[in-house]
Protein backbone atom coordinates (compact mmCIF):
# COMPACT_ATOMS: atom_id res chain seq x y z
CA MET A 1 58.32 108.94 45.79
CA PRO A 2 55.44 106.60 46.23
CA GLN A 3 54.78 103.65 43.77
CA ARG A 4 52.78 104.85 40.80
CA VAL A 5 52.43 101.58 38.53
CA PHE A 6 51.05 98.26 39.64
CA ILE A 7 50.94 95.36 37.21
CA GLN A 8 49.07 92.37 38.99
CA SER A 9 46.73 89.55 38.73
CA ALA A 10 44.71 90.47 41.76
CA ASP A 11 41.64 92.66 41.56
CA PHE A 12 41.73 96.25 43.12
CA ASP A 13 39.54 98.04 45.54
CA LEU A 14 38.57 101.46 43.97
CA SER A 15 37.82 103.26 46.99
CA HIS A 16 41.11 102.17 48.79
CA GLU A 17 43.17 103.17 45.69
CA VAL A 18 41.65 106.60 45.60
CA ALA A 19 42.09 107.15 49.40
CA THR A 20 45.64 106.21 49.18
CA LEU A 21 46.38 108.34 46.21
CA ARG A 22 45.03 111.53 47.90
CA ALA A 23 46.23 110.67 51.48
CA ASP A 24 47.79 113.69 53.22
CA ASP A 25 47.46 116.01 50.47
CA GLY A 26 45.20 118.97 51.34
CA GLY A 27 45.82 120.72 48.03
CA VAL A 28 43.88 117.95 46.15
CA GLY A 29 40.67 119.72 44.83
CA ALA A 30 39.90 116.97 42.22
CA VAL A 31 40.26 113.23 41.65
CA CYS A 32 39.55 111.95 38.27
CA VAL A 33 39.49 107.96 37.95
CA PHE A 34 38.82 105.82 34.86
CA VAL A 35 38.09 102.18 35.47
CA GLY A 36 37.89 99.72 32.47
CA THR A 37 36.26 96.47 32.61
CA VAL A 38 36.33 93.23 30.41
CA ARG A 39 33.48 93.23 27.80
CA ASP A 40 31.67 90.15 26.89
CA ARG A 41 31.92 91.19 23.18
CA ASN A 42 34.62 92.27 20.91
CA ALA A 43 34.28 93.19 17.25
CA GLY A 44 30.88 91.65 17.40
CA SER A 45 31.96 88.25 18.55
CA GLN A 46 31.13 86.94 22.11
CA VAL A 47 34.08 86.80 24.62
CA SER A 48 34.01 84.33 27.56
CA ALA A 49 37.38 85.24 28.97
CA MET A 50 40.58 87.30 28.20
CA GLU A 51 44.03 86.70 29.26
CA LEU A 52 46.58 89.47 29.37
CA GLU A 53 50.42 89.08 29.18
CA HIS A 54 53.16 91.66 29.76
CA ASP A 55 56.93 91.99 29.71
CA PRO A 56 57.90 92.52 33.27
CA GLY A 57 59.97 95.46 33.74
CA MET A 58 59.43 96.80 30.25
CA THR A 59 55.67 97.44 30.85
CA GLU A 60 56.32 99.28 34.16
CA GLN A 61 58.98 101.42 32.58
CA SER A 62 56.76 102.26 29.66
CA ILE A 63 53.91 103.38 32.00
CA GLU A 64 56.29 105.34 34.36
CA ALA A 65 57.46 107.23 31.30
CA MET A 66 53.86 108.05 30.32
CA ILE A 67 53.13 109.29 33.80
CA ASP A 68 56.26 111.47 33.72
CA ALA A 69 54.83 112.85 30.55
CA ALA A 70 51.55 113.67 32.09
CA TYR A 71 53.31 115.58 34.87
CA GLN A 72 55.14 117.72 32.31
CA ARG A 73 51.79 118.24 30.35
CA PHE A 74 49.54 118.92 33.23
CA ASP A 75 49.43 120.53 36.65
CA ILE A 76 48.66 117.41 38.59
CA ARG A 77 49.53 116.34 42.06
CA ALA A 78 49.55 112.53 41.89
CA ALA A 79 48.82 109.77 39.54
CA ARG A 80 48.40 106.03 39.92
CA VAL A 81 47.78 103.09 37.19
CA ILE A 82 46.86 99.63 37.98
CA HIS A 83 46.57 97.25 35.15
CA ARG A 84 45.60 93.54 35.68
CA ILE A 85 47.08 90.48 33.96
CA GLY A 86 46.29 86.81 33.83
CA LEU A 87 42.97 85.26 33.15
CA LEU A 88 40.01 87.64 33.45
CA GLN A 89 36.31 87.24 32.90
CA PRO A 90 33.66 89.78 31.59
CA GLN A 91 32.91 92.33 34.03
CA ASP A 92 36.22 91.87 35.69
CA GLN A 93 38.02 95.24 36.46
CA ILE A 94 41.01 95.49 34.17
CA VAL A 95 42.72 98.91 34.48
CA MET A 96 42.48 101.89 36.83
CA VAL A 97 44.13 105.25 35.97
CA ALA A 98 43.36 107.84 38.77
CA VAL A 99 44.94 111.34 38.94
CA THR A 100 44.52 114.15 41.59
CA SER A 101 44.91 117.92 40.92
CA ALA A 102 43.91 121.25 42.52
CA HIS A 103 41.23 121.73 39.82
CA ARG A 104 39.05 119.23 37.80
CA GLY A 105 40.15 120.27 34.29
CA GLN A 106 43.79 119.07 34.69
CA SER A 107 42.59 115.82 36.22
CA PHE A 108 40.16 115.12 33.57
CA GLU A 109 42.85 115.78 30.84
CA ALA A 110 45.65 114.03 32.44
CA CYS A 111 43.44 110.92 33.08
CA GLU A 112 42.28 110.78 29.35
CA PHE A 113 45.84 111.35 28.24
CA LEU A 114 47.12 108.46 30.41
CA MET A 115 44.33 106.27 29.20
CA ASP A 116 44.83 107.03 25.67
CA TYR A 117 48.40 106.37 25.83
CA LEU A 118 47.81 103.14 27.82
CA LYS A 119 45.62 101.86 25.07
CA THR A 120 47.67 102.66 22.15
CA ARG A 121 51.33 102.11 23.41
CA ALA A 122 51.54 100.11 26.51
CA PRO A 123 53.12 96.66 25.85
CA PHE A 124 50.41 94.22 26.82
CA TRP A 125 49.34 91.04 24.66
CA LYS A 126 45.74 90.06 25.08
CA LYS A 127 44.37 86.52 24.09
CA GLU A 128 40.48 86.22 23.91
CA THR A 129 38.37 83.04 24.21
CA ALA A 130 35.15 82.95 22.35
CA ALA A 131 31.95 81.28 23.57
CA ASP A 132 32.91 78.30 21.41
CA GLY A 133 36.39 77.81 23.24
CA GLN A 134 38.33 79.15 20.33
CA GLN A 135 41.17 81.52 21.17
CA ARG A 136 42.80 84.27 19.18
CA TRP A 137 45.57 86.91 20.08
CA VAL A 138 44.34 90.44 19.74
CA ASP A 139 46.58 93.47 19.61
CA ALA A 140 45.83 94.94 22.97
CA ARG A 141 47.43 98.40 21.89
CA GLU A 142 44.32 99.54 19.80
CA ALA A 143 45.36 101.92 16.90
CA ASP A 144 43.65 105.02 17.84
CA GLU A 145 45.45 107.54 15.88
CA THR A 146 42.97 110.31 16.56
CA ALA A 147 43.74 110.01 20.23
CA LEU A 148 47.52 110.00 19.62
CA GLN A 149 47.12 113.04 17.24
CA ARG A 150 45.03 115.07 19.93
CA TRP A 151 47.99 114.81 22.18
CA GLY A 152 50.58 115.43 19.57
CA VAL A 153 52.11 111.81 20.33
């Protein structure tokens, strides 16, 4: 099975990732991709940088389980998650979720399911640096109970 989860400090090339995901699969009729970027504001405060940490091994295992759950819920052909760690600046790409399926509906739903799960359950720790240089740890797993209830999680 090809690798599905990548936790990395390096940026990613969206075109390359999508091409790799759908390579040699003539049954792909839809590709849905979400790319999240670092915002320059959070909770009304200016953000000049963000640093993400994770627990190597545990984070990958958690995301793999999430992808397995997506395969059980939706008729998808492939999925790939890239999440960056380390020091990031506003406008940097931070996360990519890509899903292929035969039809668009399944790709859209699976992509949204994976992103909701990533934002609420994936074990990442986030430290933001404000414009004045002050730093604060922020719960990277935003509590979005509505999203979780929608999926029955």
